[in-house]
Amino acid sequence: MTKSAPAKVSIEPSFLKRHGLFAGLSEDDLKDLPVLFRTEEYQRGERIITEGERGGSLYVIYRGGVDILKQVVSREGECQEKIAALHPGDTFGEMELIDQQPRSATVVAHPDTIVLALDNIDLHKLNLRNTRVYAVMLLNLSREISRRLRATDQYLAVSLFSIREQSRFRLFPKD
C-alpha cells in the first residue's frame, strides 16, 4: 500500500453524526472522536487494502469513493471482480476490527479519495476512556456487518435459484 501524504482535513462532528457508525451518539460524544482518526489520501486506482493481507484499521470514506474487488477463480483463470462501490460516509475494513482475520477483499480508490482511518489500538483506547461510546460504536459496526451479510445472503439465494433454473431448462428442454 502506498498512500499519499496525509490530507489536511478538519473532521467535523456533523460529518460523523451523519454516519451509521456513530448513530446514537450525542454531539458531546462526537466532539472527542476526530482525534482518534488519521486521514489518508489515495489517488484513483491506488490500493488501500489488499485481499489476504493483515491490517488493523477501519476506514470511513470522507471524500471520493472506492471499489471493492474480490479474487475469483473461473475457467479463464484467476481475476478480480468488482463486488461493490462505496461512497462518502461508507465504511470498509470493519471486519478485521471484529475478527482479526486477513482482509477479505481488495479496496481501490475510485476516484481520488480521502479516508479517515481508525486503528485497532485507537479503538482500544476509546474503550478505556469511554466504554459507553465504544459499545455503541461496536453495536453499530455489528449492525453494518449484519446488513451486508443479509444483502449477500439475498444475492446468493437469487443467484443459486437462477443457476438451478438455467440447469433445469438445459437438462429438460421443452418439446
Protein backbone atom coordinates (compact mmCIF):
# COMPACT_ATOMS: atom_id res chain seq x y z
CA MET A 1 0.00 0.00 0.00
CA THR A 2 1.32 3.37 -0.92
CA LYS A 3 -0.53 6.34 0.39
CA SER A 4 -0.05 9.99 -0.31
CA ALA A 5 0.90 12.49 2.35
CA PRO A 6 -1.89 12.94 4.89
CA ALA A 7 -4.59 15.24 3.64
CA LYS A 8 -5.46 18.38 5.54
CA VAL A 9 -8.95 17.52 6.71
CA SER A 10 -10.94 19.01 9.52
CA ILE A 11 -13.26 16.26 10.73
CA GLU A 12 -16.41 17.95 11.89
CA PRO A 13 -18.71 16.20 14.36
CA SER A 14 -21.52 16.95 11.86
CA PHE A 15 -19.83 14.60 9.33
CA LEU A 16 -19.57 11.88 11.96
CA LYS A 17 -23.18 12.37 13.05
CA ARG A 18 -24.41 11.52 9.52
CA HIS A 19 -22.53 8.23 9.56
CA GLY A 20 -24.12 4.99 10.81
CA LEU A 21 -21.02 4.06 12.80
CA PHE A 22 -21.79 6.93 15.17
CA ALA A 23 -25.59 6.56 15.34
CA GLY A 24 -26.94 7.09 18.82
CA LEU A 25 -24.02 9.25 19.96
CA SER A 26 -24.58 12.78 21.19
CA GLU A 27 -22.80 15.92 19.99
CA ASP A 28 -20.80 15.77 23.21
CA ASP A 29 -19.75 12.16 22.48
CA LEU A 30 -18.70 13.08 18.94
CA LYS A 31 -16.54 16.09 19.77
CA ASP A 32 -13.61 13.98 21.03
CA LEU A 33 -13.75 11.30 18.33
CA PRO A 34 -11.97 13.12 15.46
CA VAL A 35 -8.61 12.87 17.28
CA LEU A 36 -8.81 9.07 17.03
CA PHE A 37 -8.74 9.17 13.23
CA ARG A 38 -5.88 9.78 10.87
CA THR A 39 -6.52 10.98 7.35
CA GLU A 40 -5.08 9.27 4.30
CA GLU A 41 -5.30 10.36 0.69
CA TYR A 42 -5.24 7.96 -2.26
CA GLN A 43 -5.12 8.62 -5.97
CA ARG A 44 -7.53 6.97 -8.39
CA GLY A 45 -6.57 3.30 -8.85
CA GLU A 46 -4.38 3.18 -5.75
CA ARG A 47 -4.88 0.24 -3.41
CA ILE A 48 -5.95 0.99 0.12
CA ILE A 49 -6.39 -2.63 1.25
CA THR A 50 -5.17 -5.83 -0.39
CA GLU A 51 -7.11 -9.08 -0.03
CA GLY A 52 -5.33 -11.63 2.16
CA GLU A 53 -3.09 -9.16 3.95
CA ARG A 54 -3.28 -8.35 7.63
CA GLY A 55 -4.43 -4.95 8.68
CA GLY A 56 -5.81 -3.28 11.70
CA SER A 57 -7.83 -0.31 10.53
CA LEU A 58 -11.38 0.57 9.76
CA TYR A 59 -11.87 3.26 7.12
CA VAL A 60 -14.59 5.86 6.66
CA ILE A 61 -14.75 7.45 3.22
CA TYR A 62 -14.54 11.20 3.71
CA ARG A 63 -14.32 12.26 0.06
CA GLY A 64 -14.28 10.25 -3.17
CA GLY A 65 -15.14 6.58 -3.29
CA VAL A 66 -13.77 3.07 -3.55
CA ASP A 67 -14.32 -0.12 -5.48
CA ILE A 68 -14.36 -3.39 -3.56
CA LEU A 69 -12.69 -6.19 -5.52
CA LYS A 70 -12.77 -9.91 -4.76
CA GLN A 71 -10.34 -12.52 -6.09
CA VAL A 72 -12.29 -15.17 -8.02
CA VAL A 73 -11.32 -18.32 -9.87
CA SER A 74 -13.09 -19.15 -13.11
CA ARG A 75 -12.47 -21.34 -16.12
CA GLU A 76 -10.44 -18.49 -17.59
CA GLY A 77 -8.21 -18.32 -14.50
CA GLU A 78 -7.96 -16.02 -11.52
CA CYS A 79 -9.13 -12.45 -11.69
CA GLN A 80 -10.54 -9.70 -9.52
CA GLU A 81 -14.23 -8.88 -9.81
CA LYS A 82 -15.83 -5.69 -8.58
CA ILE A 83 -18.42 -6.62 -5.97
CA ALA A 84 -19.32 -3.18 -4.61
CA ALA A 85 -18.75 0.55 -4.90
CA LEU A 86 -18.72 2.66 -1.73
CA HIS A 87 -19.16 6.40 -1.34
CA PRO A 88 -18.59 9.18 1.20
CA GLY A 89 -19.77 8.12 4.64
CA ASP A 90 -19.45 4.38 3.91
CA THR A 91 -17.05 2.21 5.88
CA PHE A 92 -14.78 -0.65 4.93
CA GLY A 93 -12.23 -2.75 6.79
CA GLU A 94 -14.58 -3.19 9.72
CA MET A 95 -14.49 -7.00 9.68
CA GLU A 96 -10.84 -7.02 10.70
CA LEU A 97 -11.60 -4.92 13.78
CA ILE A 98 -14.06 -7.61 14.86
CA ASP A 99 -12.44 -10.91 13.85
CA GLN A 100 -8.76 -10.00 13.30
CA GLN A 101 -8.55 -12.18 10.19
CA PRO A 102 -6.79 -11.33 6.89
CA ARG A 103 -8.52 -8.80 4.65
CA SER A 104 -11.42 -10.36 2.74
CA ALA A 105 -11.22 -8.09 -0.32
CA THR A 106 -9.10 -5.54 -2.11
CA VAL A 107 -10.17 -1.90 -1.91
CA VAL A 108 -9.12 0.57 -4.61
CA ALA A 109 -9.65 4.33 -4.64
CA HIS A 110 -12.06 5.46 -7.36
CA PRO A 111 -11.76 8.46 -7.90
CA ASP A 112 -9.11 10.29 -5.82
CA THR A 113 -10.19 9.58 -2.26
CA ILE A 114 -9.67 10.75 1.29
CA VAL A 115 -10.39 8.26 4.07
CA LEU A 116 -10.44 8.51 7.83
CA ALA A 117 -8.63 5.54 9.37
CA LEU A 118 -9.32 4.19 12.83
CA ASP A 119 -6.78 1.67 14.12
CA ASN A 120 -7.47 -1.21 16.49
CA ILE A 121 -5.26 0.39 19.12
CA ASP A 122 -7.21 3.66 18.97
CA LEU A 123 -10.48 1.77 19.30
CA HIS A 124 -8.99 0.05 22.36
CA LYS A 125 -8.00 3.45 23.79
CA LEU A 126 -11.58 4.62 23.27
CA ASN A 127 -12.77 1.60 25.25
CA LEU A 128 -10.52 2.62 28.14
CA ARG A 129 -11.67 6.26 28.01
CA ASN A 130 -15.37 5.88 27.30
CA THR A 131 -16.80 2.36 27.40
CA ARG A 132 -20.32 3.53 26.51
CA VAL A 133 -19.21 5.24 23.27
CA TYR A 134 -17.04 2.21 22.44
CA ALA A 135 -20.01 -0.14 23.00
CA VAL A 136 -22.32 1.97 20.81
CA MET A 137 -19.75 2.02 18.00
CA LEU A 138 -19.25 -1.77 18.20
CA LEU A 139 -23.01 -2.31 18.13
CA ASN A 140 -23.23 -0.07 15.07
CA LEU A 141 -20.36 -1.99 13.41
CA SER A 142 -22.16 -5.25 14.13
CA ARG A 143 -25.35 -3.87 12.58
CA GLU A 144 -23.49 -2.80 9.44
CA ILE A 145 -21.84 -6.20 9.10
CA SER A 146 -25.22 -7.88 9.63
CA ARG A 147 -26.86 -5.69 6.94
CA ARG A 148 -24.12 -6.59 4.49
CA LEU A 149 -24.42 -10.30 5.35
CA ARG A 150 -28.19 -10.19 4.76
CA ALA A 151 -27.68 -8.49 1.39
CA THR A 152 -25.09 -11.12 0.45
CA ASP A 153 -27.43 -13.93 1.53
CA GLN A 154 -30.19 -12.48 -0.65
CA TYR A 155 -27.83 -12.11 -3.61
CA LEU A 156 -26.59 -15.70 -3.23
CA ALA A 157 -30.11 -17.07 -2.91
CA VAL A 158 -31.23 -15.31 -6.10
CA SER A 159 -28.06 -16.41 -7.91
CA LEU A 160 -28.45 -20.03 -6.80
CA PHE A 161 -32.10 -20.06 -7.88
CA SER A 162 -31.12 -18.60 -11.26
CA ILE A 163 -28.39 -21.21 -11.77
CA ARG A 164 -30.76 -24.05 -10.84
CA GLU A 165 -33.43 -22.75 -13.21
CA GLN A 166 -30.92 -22.47 -16.05
CA SER A 167 -29.66 -26.02 -15.37
CA ARG A 168 -33.20 -27.39 -15.24
CA PHE A 169 -34.07 -25.93 -18.62
CA ARG A 170 -30.87 -27.23 -20.19
CA LEU A 171 -31.40 -30.71 -18.75
CA PHE A 172 -35.09 -30.88 -19.60
CA PRO A 173 -35.70 -28.79 -22.71
CA LYS A 174 -39.33 -28.18 -23.64
CA ASP A 175 -40.60 -30.07 -26.65
